[in-house]
Amino acid sequence: MLEEIGVLIVQTAKDAGFNSNDCYAMQLAVDEACTNIIEHGYGGEDKGKIECSCDMINDKFTIVLRDWGRSFSPENVPDPNFNVPLEELQSRGAGLFLIYKIMDEVHFEFETPNGNTLTMVKKKE
């Protein structure tokens, strides 16, 4: 599932005129988000569904991920401490931190009738 989503993101972003660095960065953000959904929302691989859509409107590339797993409070996830030796780095929060750094806008909606929704936007410069 992750591979197909990654191919969709990269191809659509390339078609929209993004350079390879931006395409890779967006794929990484989506990979991190999907991994979080699988691990934390569904509790493991092959246990749930993730829908992905993406579109370029004006200068904004919008990626929407929808799932029906457990929700969480993004504001309660602490930023990782990168000022420690690598072996002491806590992985909790690193993916979310990366998503916020890569994307220009990140919006979560939880427990809606249509499941949980993550909307990420990358502006084309």
PDB file of N, CA and C in Angstrom:
ATOM      1  N   MET A   1       0.818  -1.185   0.000  1.00  0.00           N
ATOM      2  CA  MET A   1       0.000   0.000   0.000  1.00  0.00           C
ATOM      3  C   MET A   1       0.869   1.259   0.000  1.00  0.00           C
ATOM      4  N   LEU A   2       1.903   1.310   0.836  1.00  0.00           N
ATOM      5  CA  LEU A   2       2.757   2.494   0.902  1.00  0.00           C
ATOM      6  C   LEU A   2       3.443   2.774  -0.430  1.00  0.00           C
ATOM      7  N   GLU A   3       3.861   1.721  -1.105  1.00  0.00           N
ATOM      8  CA  GLU A   3       4.545   1.908  -2.385  1.00  0.00           C
ATOM      9  C   GLU A   3       3.616   2.553  -3.411  1.00  0.00           C
ATOM     10  N   GLU A   4       2.372   2.078  -3.480  1.00  0.00           N
ATOM     11  CA  GLU A   4       1.423   2.647  -4.437  1.00  0.00           C
ATOM     12  C   GLU A   4       1.120   4.105  -4.126  1.00  0.00           C
ATOM     13  N   ILE A   5       0.968   4.431  -2.845  1.00  0.00           N
ATOM     14  CA  ILE A   5       0.709   5.811  -2.443  1.00  0.00           C
ATOM     15  C   ILE A   5       1.911   6.681  -2.807  1.00  0.00           C
ATOM     16  N   GLY A   6       3.113   6.193  -2.545  1.00  0.00           N
ATOM     17  CA  GLY A   6       4.319   6.947  -2.881  1.00  0.00           C
ATOM     18  C   GLY A   6       4.437   7.224  -4.365  1.00  0.00           C
ATOM     19  N   VAL A   7       4.131   6.224  -5.194  1.00  0.00           N
ATOM     20  CA  VAL A   7       4.177   6.396  -6.648  1.00  0.00           C
ATOM     21  C   VAL A   7       3.154   7.446  -7.085  1.00  0.00           C
ATOM     22  N   LEU A   8       1.957   7.389  -6.520  1.00  0.00           N
ATOM     23  CA  LEU A   8       0.917   8.373  -6.837  1.00  0.00           C
ATOM     24  C   LEU A   8       1.388   9.791  -6.510  1.00  0.00           C
ATOM     25  N   ILE A   9       1.953   9.974  -5.322  1.00  0.00           N
ATOM     26  CA  ILE A   9       2.400  11.305  -4.892  1.00  0.00           C
ATOM     27  C   ILE A   9       3.498  11.820  -5.811  1.00  0.00           C
ATOM     28  N   VAL A  10       4.518  11.017  -6.036  1.00  0.00           N
ATOM     29  CA  VAL A  10       5.661  11.462  -6.853  1.00  0.00           C
ATOM     30  C   VAL A  10       5.226  11.772  -8.279  1.00  0.00           C
ATOM     31  N   GLN A  11       4.444  10.894  -8.887  1.00  0.00           N
ATOM     32  CA  GLN A  11       4.043  11.113 -10.281  1.00  0.00           C
ATOM     33  C   GLN A  11       3.155  12.348 -10.415  1.00  0.00           C
ATOM     34  N   THR A  12       2.210  12.509  -9.510  1.00  0.00           N
ATOM     35  CA  THR A  12       1.305  13.660  -9.580  1.00  0.00           C
ATOM     36  C   THR A  12       2.061  14.957  -9.311  1.00  0.00           C
ATOM     37  N   ALA A  13       2.994  14.927  -8.363  1.00  0.00           N
ATOM     38  CA  ALA A  13       3.794  16.123  -8.065  1.00  0.00           C
ATOM     39  C   ALA A  13       4.706  16.475  -9.245  1.00  0.00           C
ATOM     40  N   LYS A  14       5.301  15.471  -9.885  1.00  0.00           N
ATOM     41  CA  LYS A  14       6.127  15.722 -11.077  1.00  0.00           C
ATOM     42  C   LYS A  14       5.280  16.326 -12.190  1.00  0.00           C
ATOM     43  N   ASP A  15       4.105  15.754 -12.401  1.00  0.00           N
ATOM     44  CA  ASP A  15       3.204  16.271 -13.433  1.00  0.00           C
ATOM     45  C   ASP A  15       2.796  17.714 -13.147  1.00  0.00           C
ATOM     46  N   ALA A  16       2.764  18.081 -11.858  1.00  0.00           N
ATOM     47  CA  ALA A  16       2.395  19.442 -11.458  1.00  0.00           C
ATOM     48  C   ALA A  16       3.581  20.405 -11.554  1.00  0.00           C
ATOM     49  N   GLY A  17       4.770  19.873 -11.881  1.00  0.00           N
ATOM     50  CA  GLY A  17       5.932  20.732 -12.085  1.00  0.00           C
ATOM     51  C   GLY A  17       6.872  20.869 -10.913  1.00  0.00           C
ATOM     52  N   PHE A  18       6.716  20.034  -9.879  1.00  0.00           N
ATOM     53  CA  PHE A  18       7.643  20.085  -8.744  1.00  0.00           C
ATOM     54  C   PHE A  18       8.956  19.416  -9.126  1.00  0.00           C
ATOM     55  N   ASN A  19      10.055  19.910  -8.559  1.00  0.00           N
ATOM     56  CA  ASN A  19      11.357  19.301  -8.828  1.00  0.00           C
ATOM     57  C   ASN A  19      11.504  18.003  -8.040  1.00  0.00           C
ATOM     58  N   SER A  20      12.523  17.237  -8.351  1.00  0.00           N
ATOM     59  CA  SER A  20      12.695  15.917  -7.731  1.00  0.00           C
ATOM     60  C   SER A  20      12.909  16.002  -6.222  1.00  0.00           C
ATOM     61  N   ASN A  21      13.575  17.065  -5.744  1.00  0.00           N
ATOM     62  CA  ASN A  21      13.771  17.221  -4.298  1.00  0.00           C
ATOM     63  C   ASN A  21      12.437  17.415  -3.581  1.00  0.00           C
ATOM     64  N   ASP A  22      11.570  18.267  -4.133  1.00  0.00           N
ATOM     65  CA  ASP A  22      10.256  18.482  -3.524  1.00  0.00           C
ATOM     66  C   ASP A  22       9.409  17.214  -3.598  1.00  0.00           C
ATOM     67  N   CYS A  23       9.487  16.503  -4.716  1.00  0.00           N
ATOM     68  CA  CYS A  23       8.735  15.243  -4.858  1.00  0.00           C
ATOM     69  C   CYS A  23       9.176  14.240  -3.803  1.00  0.00           C
ATOM     70  N   TYR A  24      10.479  14.105  -3.618  1.00  0.00           N
ATOM     71  CA  TYR A  24      10.998  13.173  -2.611  1.00  0.00           C
ATOM     72  C   TYR A  24      10.555  13.591  -1.213  1.00  0.00           C
ATOM     73  N   ALA A  25      10.633  14.885  -0.921  1.00  0.00           N
ATOM     74  CA  ALA A  25      10.251  15.383   0.405  1.00  0.00           C
ATOM     75  C   ALA A  25       8.776  15.107   0.688  1.00  0.00           C
ATOM     76  N   MET A  26       7.919  15.355  -0.307  1.00  0.00           N
ATOM     77  CA  MET A  26       6.492  15.085  -0.104  1.00  0.00           C
ATOM     78  C   MET A  26       6.229  13.596   0.056  1.00  0.00           C
ATOM     79  N   GLN A  27       6.933  12.771  -0.709  1.00  0.00           N
ATOM     80  CA  GLN A  27       6.790  11.326  -0.557  1.00  0.00           C
ATOM     81  C   GLN A  27       7.212  10.901   0.849  1.00  0.00           C
ATOM     82  N   LEU A  28       8.288  11.486   1.360  1.00  0.00           N
ATOM     83  CA  LEU A  28       8.749  11.178   2.708  1.00  0.00           C
ATOM     84  C   LEU A  28       7.710  11.580   3.756  1.00  0.00           C
ATOM     85  N   ALA A  29       7.117  12.755   3.598  1.00  0.00           N
ATOM     86  CA  ALA A  29       6.088  13.207   4.537  1.00  0.00           C
ATOM     87  C   ALA A  29       4.887  12.258   4.528  1.00  0.00           C
ATOM     88  N   VAL A  30       4.465  11.849   3.346  1.00  0.00           N
ATOM     89  CA  VAL A  30       3.331  10.939   3.223  1.00  0.00           C
ATOM     90  C   VAL A  30       3.683   9.564   3.789  1.00  0.00           C
ATOM     91  N   ASP A  31       4.889   9.101   3.538  1.00  0.00           N
ATOM     92  CA  ASP A  31       5.357   7.833   4.097  1.00  0.00           C
ATOM     93  C   ASP A  31       5.312   7.861   5.631  1.00  0.00           C
ATOM     94  N   GLU A  32       5.795   8.950   6.199  1.00  0.00           N
ATOM     95  CA  GLU A  32       5.775   9.103   7.667  1.00  0.00           C
ATOM     96  C   GLU A  32       4.347   9.104   8.185  1.00  0.00           C
ATOM     97  N   ALA A  33       3.463   9.846   7.507  1.00  0.00           N
ATOM     98  CA  ALA A  33       2.070   9.915   7.942  1.00  0.00           C
ATOM     99  C   ALA A  33       1.399   8.544   7.859  1.00  0.00           C
ATOM    100  N   CYS A  34       1.610   7.837   6.754  1.00  0.00           N
ATOM    101  CA  CYS A  34       1.013   6.505   6.595  1.00  0.00           C
ATOM    102  C   CYS A  34       1.569   5.518   7.622  1.00  0.00           C
ATOM    103  N   THR A  35       2.863   5.600   7.884  1.00  0.00           N
ATOM    104  CA  THR A  35       3.465   4.730   8.892  1.00  0.00           C
ATOM    105  C   THR A  35       2.844   4.998  10.259  1.00  0.00           C
ATOM    106  N   ASN A  36       2.626   6.264  10.588  1.00  0.00           N
ATOM    107  CA  ASN A  36       1.976   6.599  11.863  1.00  0.00           C
ATOM    108  C   ASN A  36       0.548   6.054  11.908  1.00  0.00           C
ATOM    109  N   ILE A  37      -0.179   6.175  10.808  1.00  0.00           N
ATOM    110  CA  ILE A  37      -1.543   5.646  10.756  1.00  0.00           C
ATOM    111  C   ILE A  37      -1.532   4.134  10.978  1.00  0.00           C
ATOM    112  N   ILE A  38      -0.637   3.448  10.282  1.00  0.00           N
ATOM    113  CA  ILE A  38      -0.558   1.989  10.393  1.00  0.00           C
ATOM    114  C   ILE A  38      -0.169   1.567  11.807  1.00  0.00           C
ATOM    115  N   GLU A  39       0.884   2.178  12.346  1.00  0.00           N
ATOM    116  CA  GLU A  39       1.388   1.765  13.662  1.00  0.00           C
ATOM    117  C   GLU A  39       0.494   2.210  14.808  1.00  0.00           C
ATOM    118  N   HIS A  40       0.110   3.482  14.803  1.00  0.00           N
ATOM    119  CA  HIS A  40      -0.604   4.036  15.957  1.00  0.00           C
ATOM    120  C   HIS A  40      -2.121   4.005  15.793  1.00  0.00           C
ATOM    121  N   GLY A  41      -2.609   4.207  14.576  1.00  0.00           N
ATOM    122  CA  GLY A  41      -4.047   4.206  14.356  1.00  0.00           C
ATOM    123  C   GLY A  41      -4.642   2.820  14.276  1.00  0.00           C
ATOM    124  N   TYR A  42      -3.925   1.921  13.587  1.00  0.00           N
ATOM    125  CA  TYR A  42      -4.427   0.574  13.383  1.00  0.00           C
ATOM    126  C   TYR A  42      -3.707  -0.489  14.213  1.00  0.00           C
ATOM    127  N   GLY A  43      -2.582  -0.164  14.788  1.00  0.00           N
ATOM    128  CA  GLY A  43      -1.883  -1.126  15.627  1.00  0.00           C
ATOM    129  C   GLY A  43      -1.070  -2.161  14.871  1.00  0.00           C
ATOM    130  N   GLY A  44      -0.761  -1.922  13.616  1.00  0.00           N
ATOM    131  CA  GLY A  44       0.083  -2.840  12.867  1.00  0.00           C
ATOM    132  C   GLY A  44      -0.314  -2.934  11.407  1.00  0.00           C
ATOM    133  N   GLU A  45       0.539  -3.580  10.632  1.00  0.00           N
ATOM    134  CA  GLU A  45       0.322  -3.707   9.191  1.00  0.00           C
ATOM    135  C   GLU A  45      -0.882  -4.571   8.860  1.00  0.00           C
ATOM    136  N   ASP A  46      -1.455  -4.291   7.709  1.00  0.00           N
ATOM    137  CA  ASP A  46      -2.562  -5.074   7.153  1.00  0.00           C
ATOM    138  C   ASP A  46      -3.793  -5.109   8.048  1.00  0.00           C
ATOM    139  N   LYS A  47      -3.978  -4.062   8.850  1.00  0.00           N
ATOM    140  CA  LYS A  47      -5.127  -4.052   9.743  1.00  0.00           C
ATOM    141  C   LYS A  47      -6.125  -2.951   9.425  1.00  0.00           C
ATOM    142  N   GLY A  48      -5.852  -2.125   8.440  1.00  0.00           N
ATOM    143  CA  GLY A  48      -6.779  -1.039   8.155  1.00  0.00           C
ATOM    144  C   GLY A  48      -6.594  -0.483   6.772  1.00  0.00           C
ATOM    145  N   LYS A  49      -7.421   0.476   6.462  1.00  0.00           N
ATOM    146  CA  LYS A  49      -7.475   1.070   5.135  1.00  0.00           C
ATOM    147  C   LYS A  49      -6.998   2.524   5.209  1.00  0.00           C
ATOM    148  N   ILE A  50      -6.260   2.943   4.193  1.00  0.00           N
ATOM    149  CA  ILE A  50      -5.859   4.339   4.043  1.00  0.00           C
ATOM    150  C   ILE A  50      -6.245   4.764   2.633  1.00  0.00           C
ATOM    151  N   GLU A  51      -7.011   5.836   2.534  1.00  0.00           N
ATOM    152  CA  GLU A  51      -7.335   6.412   1.232  1.00  0.00           C
ATOM    153  C   GLU A  51      -6.437   7.628   1.019  1.00  0.00           C
ATOM    154  N   CYS A  52      -5.952   7.792  -0.197  1.00  0.00           N
ATOM    155  CA  CYS A  52      -5.076   8.913  -0.521  1.00  0.00           C
ATOM    156  C   CYS A  52      -5.571   9.595  -1.788  1.00  0.00           C
ATOM    157  N   SER A  53      -5.594  10.913  -1.738  1.00  0.00           N
ATOM    158  CA  SER A  53      -5.871  11.683  -2.946  1.00  0.00           C
ATOM    159  C   SER A  53      -4.921  12.876  -2.954  1.00  0.00           C
ATOM    160  N   CYS A  54      -4.636  13.375  -4.141  1.00  0.00           N
ATOM    161  CA  CYS A  54      -3.785  14.548  -4.251  1.00  0.00           C
ATOM    162  C   CYS A  54      -4.179  15.323  -5.496  1.00  0.00           C
ATOM    163  N   ASP A  55      -3.955  16.633  -5.417  1.00  0.00           N
ATOM    164  CA  ASP A  55      -4.364  17.482  -6.519  1.00  0.00           C
ATOM    165  C   ASP A  55      -3.599  18.794  -6.458  1.00  0.00           C
ATOM    166  N   MET A  56      -3.346  19.373  -7.606  1.00  0.00           N
ATOM    167  CA  MET A  56      -2.708  20.680  -7.710  1.00  0.00           C
ATOM    168  C   MET A  56      -3.775  21.701  -8.056  1.00  0.00           C
ATOM    169  N   ILE A  57      -3.989  22.660  -7.183  1.00  0.00           N
ATOM    170  CA  ILE A  57      -4.937  23.733  -7.432  1.00  0.00           C
ATOM    171  C   ILE A  57      -4.199  25.047  -7.234  1.00  0.00           C
ATOM    172  N   ASN A  58      -4.171  25.839  -8.306  1.00  0.00           N
ATOM    173  CA  ASN A  58      -3.384  27.067  -8.333  1.00  0.00           C
ATOM    174  C   ASN A  58      -1.935  26.726  -8.001  1.00  0.00           C
ATOM    175  N   ASP A  59      -1.381  27.257  -6.931  1.00  0.00           N
ATOM    176  CA  ASP A  59       0.021  26.990  -6.595  1.00  0.00           C
ATOM    177  C   ASP A  59       0.155  26.037  -5.412  1.00  0.00           C
ATOM    178  N   LYS A  60      -0.920  25.321  -5.065  1.00  0.00           N
ATOM    179  CA  LYS A  60      -0.905  24.443  -3.893  1.00  0.00           C
ATOM    180  C   LYS A  60      -1.144  22.985  -4.286  1.00  0.00           C
ATOM    181  N   PHE A  61      -0.200  22.139  -3.884  1.00  0.00           N
ATOM    182  CA  PHE A  61      -0.332  20.696  -4.062  1.00  0.00           C
ATOM    183  C   PHE A  61      -0.909  20.155  -2.757  1.00  0.00           C
ATOM    184  N   THR A  62      -2.111  19.619  -2.827  1.00  0.00           N
ATOM    185  CA  THR A  62      -2.812  19.159  -1.633  1.00  0.00           C
ATOM    186  C   THR A  62      -2.897  17.643  -1.623  1.00  0.00           C
ATOM    187  N   ILE A  63      -2.485  17.080  -0.501  1.00  0.00           N
ATOM    188  CA  ILE A  63      -2.522  15.631  -0.285  1.00  0.00           C
ATOM    189  C   ILE A  63      -3.485  15.368   0.864  1.00  0.00           C
ATOM    190  N   VAL A  64      -4.428  14.468   0.647  1.00  0.00           N
ATOM    191  CA  VAL A  64      -5.386  14.113   1.693  1.00  0.00           C
ATOM    192  C   VAL A  64      -5.276  12.619   1.974  1.00  0.00           C
ATOM    193  N   LEU A  65      -5.051  12.294   3.244  1.00  0.00           N
ATOM    194  CA  LEU A  65      -5.036  10.903   3.704  1.00  0.00           C
ATOM    195  C   LEU A  65      -6.225  10.698   4.631  1.00  0.00           C
ATOM    196  N   ARG A  66      -6.979   9.632   4.404  1.00  0.00           N
ATOM    197  CA  ARG A  66      -8.131   9.333   5.245  1.00  0.00           C
ATOM    198  C   ARG A  66      -7.984   7.918   5.785  1.00  0.00           C
ATOM    199  N   ASP A  67      -8.280   7.776   7.083  1.00  0.00           N
ATOM    200  CA  ASP A  67      -8.229   6.459   7.710  1.00  0.00           C
ATOM    201  C   ASP A  67      -9.352   6.346   8.730  1.00  0.00           C
ATOM    202  N   TRP A  68      -9.514   5.146   9.267  1.00  0.00           N
ATOM    203  CA  TRP A  68     -10.566   4.889  10.244  1.00  0.00           C
ATOM    204  C   TRP A  68      -9.974   4.261  11.516  1.00  0.00           C
ATOM    205  N   GLY A  69      -8.712   4.605  11.791  1.00  0.00           N
ATOM    206  CA  GLY A  69      -8.036   4.085  12.978  1.00  0.00           C
ATOM    207  C   GLY A  69      -8.276   4.968  14.193  1.00  0.00           C
ATOM    208  N   ARG A  70      -7.525   4.671  15.257  1.00  0.00           N
ATOM    209  CA  ARG A  70      -7.586   5.469  16.483  1.00  0.00           C
ATOM    210  C   ARG A  70      -7.091   6.879  16.203  1.00  0.00           C
ATOM    211  N   SER A  71      -7.727   7.845  16.811  1.00  0.00           N
ATOM    212  CA  SER A  71      -7.293   9.231  16.658  1.00  0.00           C
ATOM    213  C   SER A  71      -6.274   9.562  17.752  1.00  0.00           C
ATOM    214  N   PHE A  72      -5.659  10.738  17.631  1.00  0.00           N
ATOM    215  CA  PHE A  72      -4.707  11.199  18.637  1.00  0.00           C
ATOM    216  C   PHE A  72      -4.737  12.718  18.653  1.00  0.00           C
ATOM    217  N   SER A  73      -4.041  13.320  19.593  1.00  0.00           N
ATOM    218  CA  SER A  73      -3.969  14.777  19.701  1.00  0.00           C
ATOM    219  C   SER A  73      -2.577  15.219  19.279  1.00  0.00           C
ATOM    220  N   PRO A  74      -2.419  15.732  18.063  1.00  0.00           N
ATOM    221  CA  PRO A  74      -1.089  16.121  17.579  1.00  0.00           C
ATOM    222  C   PRO A  74      -0.387  17.115  18.497  1.00  0.00           C
ATOM    223  N   GLU A  75      -1.167  17.982  19.124  1.00  0.00           N
ATOM    224  CA  GLU A  75      -0.569  18.983  20.019  1.00  0.00           C
ATOM    225  C   GLU A  75       0.038  18.363  21.276  1.00  0.00           C
ATOM    226  N   ASN A  76      -0.329  17.130  21.589  1.00  0.00           N
ATOM    227  CA  ASN A  76       0.223  16.446  22.762  1.00  0.00           C
ATOM    228  C   ASN A  76       1.471  15.622  22.445  1.00  0.00           C
ATOM    229  N   VAL A  77       1.854  15.563  21.171  1.00  0.00           N
ATOM    230  CA  VAL A  77       3.052  14.825  20.788  1.00  0.00           C
ATOM    231  C   VAL A  77       4.237  15.782  20.908  1.00  0.00           C
ATOM    232  N   PRO A  78       5.183  15.475  21.806  1.00  0.00           N
ATOM    233  CA  PRO A  78       6.311  16.400  21.998  1.00  0.00           C
ATOM    234  C   PRO A  78       7.264  16.394  20.811  1.00  0.00           C
ATOM    235  N   ASP A  79       7.890  17.544  20.575  1.00  0.00           N
ATOM    236  CA  ASP A  79       8.943  17.599  19.553  1.00  0.00           C
ATOM    237  C   ASP A  79      10.093  16.715  20.019  1.00  0.00           C
ATOM    238  N   PRO A  80      10.705  16.005  19.099  1.00  0.00           N
ATOM    239  CA  PRO A  80      11.844  15.157  19.498  1.00  0.00           C
ATOM    240  C   PRO A  80      13.038  16.023  19.902  1.00  0.00           C
ATOM    241  N   ASN A  81      13.858  15.480  20.792  1.00  0.00           N
ATOM    242  CA  ASN A  81      15.071  16.164  21.213  1.00  0.00           C
ATOM    243  C   ASN A  81      16.222  15.638  20.359  1.00  0.00           C
ATOM    244  N   PHE A  82      16.676  16.472  19.421  1.00  0.00           N
ATOM    245  CA  PHE A  82      17.757  16.068  18.534  1.00  0.00           C
ATOM    246  C   PHE A  82      19.132  16.399  19.108  1.00  0.00           C
ATOM    247  N   ASN A  83      19.167  16.928  20.322  1.00  0.00           N
ATOM    248  CA  ASN A  83      20.437  17.290  20.957  1.00  0.00           C
ATOM    249  C   ASN A  83      20.947  16.193  21.884  1.00  0.00           C
ATOM    250  N   VAL A  84      20.672  14.968  21.518  1.00  0.00           N
ATOM    251  CA  VAL A  84      21.146  13.822  22.292  1.00  0.00           C
ATOM    252  C   VAL A  84      21.882  12.894  21.339  1.00  0.00           C
ATOM    253  N   PRO A  85      22.718  12.008  21.850  1.00  0.00           N
ATOM    254  CA  PRO A  85      23.361  11.020  20.975  1.00  0.00           C
ATOM    255  C   PRO A  85      22.304  10.208  20.234  1.00  0.00           C
ATOM    256  N   LEU A  86      22.624   9.795  19.021  1.00  0.00           N
ATOM    257  CA  LEU A  86      21.678   9.100  18.161  1.00  0.00           C
ATOM    258  C   LEU A  86      21.036   7.898  18.852  1.00  0.00           C
ATOM    259  N   GLU A  87      21.809   7.142  19.608  1.00  0.00           N
ATOM    260  CA  GLU A  87      21.258   5.950  20.269  1.00  0.00           C
ATOM    261  C   GLU A  87      20.260   6.299  21.373  1.00  0.00           C
ATOM    262  N   GLU A  88      20.233   7.559  21.813  1.00  0.00           N
ATOM    263  CA  GLU A  88      19.287   7.986  22.846  1.00  0.00           C
ATOM    264  C   GLU A  88      18.079   8.725  22.268  1.00  0.00           C
ATOM    265  N   LEU A  89      18.072   8.938  20.966  1.00  0.00           N
ATOM    266  CA  LEU A  89      16.990   9.673  20.329  1.00  0.00           C
ATOM    267  C   LEU A  89      15.696   8.877  20.411  1.00  0.00           C
ATOM    268  N   GLN A  90      14.667   9.501  20.932  1.00  0.00           N
ATOM    269  CA  GLN A  90      13.346   8.882  21.008  1.00  0.00           C
ATOM    270  C   GLN A  90      12.666   9.040  19.660  1.00  0.00           C
ATOM    271  N   SER A  91      12.131   7.972  19.113  1.00  0.00           N
ATOM    272  CA  SER A  91      11.497   8.060  17.799  1.00  0.00           C
ATOM    273  C   SER A  91      10.125   8.715  17.881  1.00  0.00           C
ATOM    274  N   ARG A  92       9.491   8.687  19.025  1.00  0.00           N
ATOM    275  CA  ARG A  92       8.147   9.262  19.183  1.00  0.00           C
ATOM    276  C   ARG A  92       8.179  10.750  18.841  1.00  0.00           C
ATOM    277  N   GLY A  93       7.378  11.130  17.882  1.00  0.00           N
ATOM    278  CA  GLY A  93       7.264  12.526  17.503  1.00  0.00           C
ATOM    279  C   GLY A  93       8.150  12.939  16.343  1.00  0.00           C
ATOM    280  N   ALA A  94       9.133  12.123  15.998  1.00  0.00           N
ATOM    281  CA  ALA A  94      10.061  12.509  14.929  1.00  0.00           C
ATOM    282  C   ALA A  94       9.358  12.569  13.575  1.00  0.00           C
ATOM    283  N   GLY A  95       8.469  11.623  13.286  1.00  0.00           N
ATOM    284  CA  GLY A  95       7.752  11.618  12.015  1.00  0.00           C
ATOM    285  C   GLY A  95       6.837  12.824  11.874  1.00  0.00           C
ATOM    286  N   LEU A  96       6.108  13.133  12.924  1.00  0.00           N
ATOM    287  CA  LEU A  96       5.215  14.289  12.913  1.00  0.00           C
ATOM    288  C   LEU A  96       6.014  15.580  12.758  1.00  0.00           C
ATOM    289  N   PHE A  97       7.134  15.676  13.463  1.00  0.00           N
ATOM    290  CA  PHE A  97       8.028  16.839  13.347  1.00  0.00           C
ATOM    291  C   PHE A  97       8.482  17.004  11.897  1.00  0.00           C
ATOM    292  N   LEU A  98       8.868  15.906  11.271  1.00  0.00           N
ATOM    293  CA  LEU A  98       9.328  15.919   9.881  1.00  0.00           C
ATOM    294  C   LEU A  98       8.210  16.374   8.933  1.00  0.00           C
ATOM    295  N   ILE A  99       7.003  15.880   9.142  1.00  0.00           N
ATOM    296  CA  ILE A  99       5.864  16.266   8.307  1.00  0.00           C
ATOM    297  C   ILE A  99       5.656  17.778   8.372  1.00  0.00           C
ATOM    298  N   TYR A 100       5.672  18.334   9.587  1.00  0.00           N
ATOM    299  CA  TYR A 100       5.489  19.780   9.755  1.00  0.00           C
ATOM    300  C   TYR A 100       6.618  20.577   9.101  1.00  0.00           C
ATOM    301  N   LYS A 101       7.832  20.050   9.108  1.00  0.00           N
ATOM    302  CA  LYS A 101       8.972  20.748   8.498  1.00  0.00           C
ATOM    303  C   LYS A 101       8.913  20.717   6.972  1.00  0.00           C
ATOM    304  N   ILE A 102       8.451  19.609   6.408  1.00  0.00           N
ATOM    305  CA  ILE A 102       8.420  19.458   4.951  1.00  0.00           C
ATOM    306  C   ILE A 102       7.259  20.218   4.321  1.00  0.00           C
ATOM    307  N   MET A 103       6.085  20.081   4.899  1.00  0.00           N
ATOM    308  CA  MET A 103       4.876  20.634   4.291  1.00  0.00           C
ATOM    309  C   MET A 103       4.634  22.066   4.761  1.00  0.00           C
ATOM    310  N   ASP A 104       3.949  22.842   3.934  1.00  0.00           N
ATOM    311  CA  ASP A 104       3.641  24.229   4.285  1.00  0.00           C
ATOM    312  C   ASP A 104       2.414  24.345   5.173  1.00  0.00           C
ATOM    313  N   GLU A 105       1.488  23.427   5.022  1.00  0.00           N
ATOM    314  CA  GLU A 105       0.279  23.402   5.859  1.00  0.00           C
ATOM    315  C   GLU A 105      -0.022  21.952   6.217  1.00  0.00           C
ATOM    316  N   VAL A 106      -0.441  21.737   7.472  1.00  0.00           N
ATOM    317  CA  VAL A 106      -0.806  20.405   7.951  1.00  0.00           C
ATOM    318  C   VAL A 106      -2.054  20.557   8.816  1.00  0.00           C
ATOM    319  N   HIS A 107      -3.129  19.856   8.443  1.00  0.00           N
ATOM    320  CA  HIS A 107      -4.397  19.951   9.171  1.00  0.00           C
ATOM    321  C   HIS A 107      -4.923  18.554   9.480  1.00  0.00           C
ATOM    322  N   PHE A 108      -5.304  18.337  10.732  1.00  0.00           N
ATOM    323  CA  PHE A 108      -5.892  17.066  11.157  1.00  0.00           C
ATOM    324  C   PHE A 108      -7.365  17.266  11.488  1.00  0.00           C
ATOM    325  N   GLU A 109      -8.182  16.307  11.095  1.00  0.00           N
ATOM    326  CA  GLU A 109      -9.581  16.233  11.525  1.00  0.00           C
ATOM    327  C   GLU A 109      -9.805  14.799  11.981  1.00  0.00           C
ATOM    328  N   PHE A 110     -10.312  14.651  13.209  1.00  0.00           N
ATOM    329  CA  PHE A 110     -10.482  13.310  13.763  1.00  0.00           C
ATOM    330  C   PHE A 110     -11.932  12.979  14.032  1.00  0.00           C
ATOM    331  N   GLU A 111     -12.218  11.684  13.889  1.00  0.00           N
ATOM    332  CA  GLU A 111     -13.509  11.112  14.240  1.00  0.00           C
ATOM    333  C   GLU A 111     -14.672  11.812  13.562  1.00  0.00           C
ATOM    334  N   THR A 112     -14.490  12.149  12.307  1.00  0.00           N
ATOM    335  CA  THR A 112     -15.599  12.672  11.531  1.00  0.00           C
ATOM    336  C   THR A 112     -16.397  11.486  11.006  1.00  0.00           C
ATOM    337  N   PRO A 113     -17.574  11.710  10.477  1.00  0.00           N
ATOM    338  CA  PRO A 113     -18.319  10.568   9.905  1.00  0.00           C
ATOM    339  C   PRO A 113     -17.538   9.848   8.805  1.00  0.00           C
ATOM    340  N   ASN A 114     -16.605  10.550   8.181  1.00  0.00           N
ATOM    341  CA  ASN A 114     -15.814   9.945   7.106  1.00  0.00           C
ATOM    342  C   ASN A 114     -14.453   9.463   7.578  1.00  0.00           C
ATOM    343  N   GLY A 115     -14.264   9.280   8.873  1.00  0.00           N
ATOM    344  CA  GLY A 115     -12.980   8.825   9.394  1.00  0.00           C
ATOM    345  C   GLY A 115     -12.082   9.989   9.786  1.00  0.00           C
ATOM    346  N   ASN A 116     -10.816   9.688   9.978  1.00  0.00           N
ATOM    347  CA  ASN A 116      -9.810  10.698  10.313  1.00  0.00           C
ATOM    348  C   ASN A 116      -9.214  11.224   9.016  1.00  0.00           C
ATOM    349  N   THR A 117      -8.972  12.524   8.956  1.00  0.00           N
ATOM    350  CA  THR A 117      -8.448  13.122   7.737  1.00  0.00           C
ATOM    351  C   THR A 117      -7.210  13.948   8.046  1.00  0.00           C
ATOM    352  N   LEU A 118      -6.163  13.716   7.285  1.00  0.00           N
ATOM    353  CA  LEU A 118      -4.946  14.522   7.340  1.00  0.00           C
ATOM    354  C   LEU A 118      -4.801  15.207   5.994  1.00  0.00           C
ATOM    355  N   THR A 119      -4.771  16.528   6.010  1.00  0.00           N
ATOM    356  CA  THR A 119      -4.588  17.311   4.795  1.00  0.00           C
ATOM    357  C   THR A 119      -3.244  18.010   4.882  1.00  0.00           C
ATOM    358  N   MET A 120      -2.398  17.793   3.868  1.00  0.00           N
ATOM    359  CA  MET A 120      -1.081  18.410   3.818  1.00  0.00           C
ATOM    360  C   MET A 120      -0.961  19.202   2.522  1.00  0.00           C
ATOM    361  N   VAL A 121      -0.373  20.388   2.617  1.00  0.00           N
ATOM    362  CA  VAL A 121      -0.253  21.262   1.453  1.00  0.00           C
ATOM    363  C   VAL A 121       1.202  21.677   1.271  1.00  0.00           C
ATOM    364  N   LYS A 122       1.657  21.613   0.035  1.00  0.00           N
ATOM    365  CA  LYS A 122       2.978  22.111  -0.346  1.00  0.00           C
ATOM    366  C   LYS A 122       2.764  23.158  -1.422  1.00  0.00           C
ATOM    367  N   LYS A 123       3.266  24.365  -1.169  1.00  0.00           N
ATOM    368  CA  LYS A 123       3.121  25.443  -2.133  1.00  0.00           C
ATOM    369  C   LYS A 123       4.251  25.370  -3.159  1.00  0.00           C
ATOM    370  N   LYS A 124       3.884  25.612  -4.403  1.00  0.00           N
ATOM    371  CA  LYS A 124       4.874  25.620  -5.469  1.00  0.00           C
ATOM    372  C   LYS A 124       5.491  27.009  -5.540  1.00  0.00           C
ATOM    373  N   GLU A 125       6.795  27.049  -5.488  1.00  0.00           N
ATOM    374  CA  GLU A 125       7.484  28.348  -5.494  1.00  0.00           C
ATOM    375  C   GLU A 125       7.851  28.775  -6.875  1.00  0.00           C
TER     376      GLU A 125
END
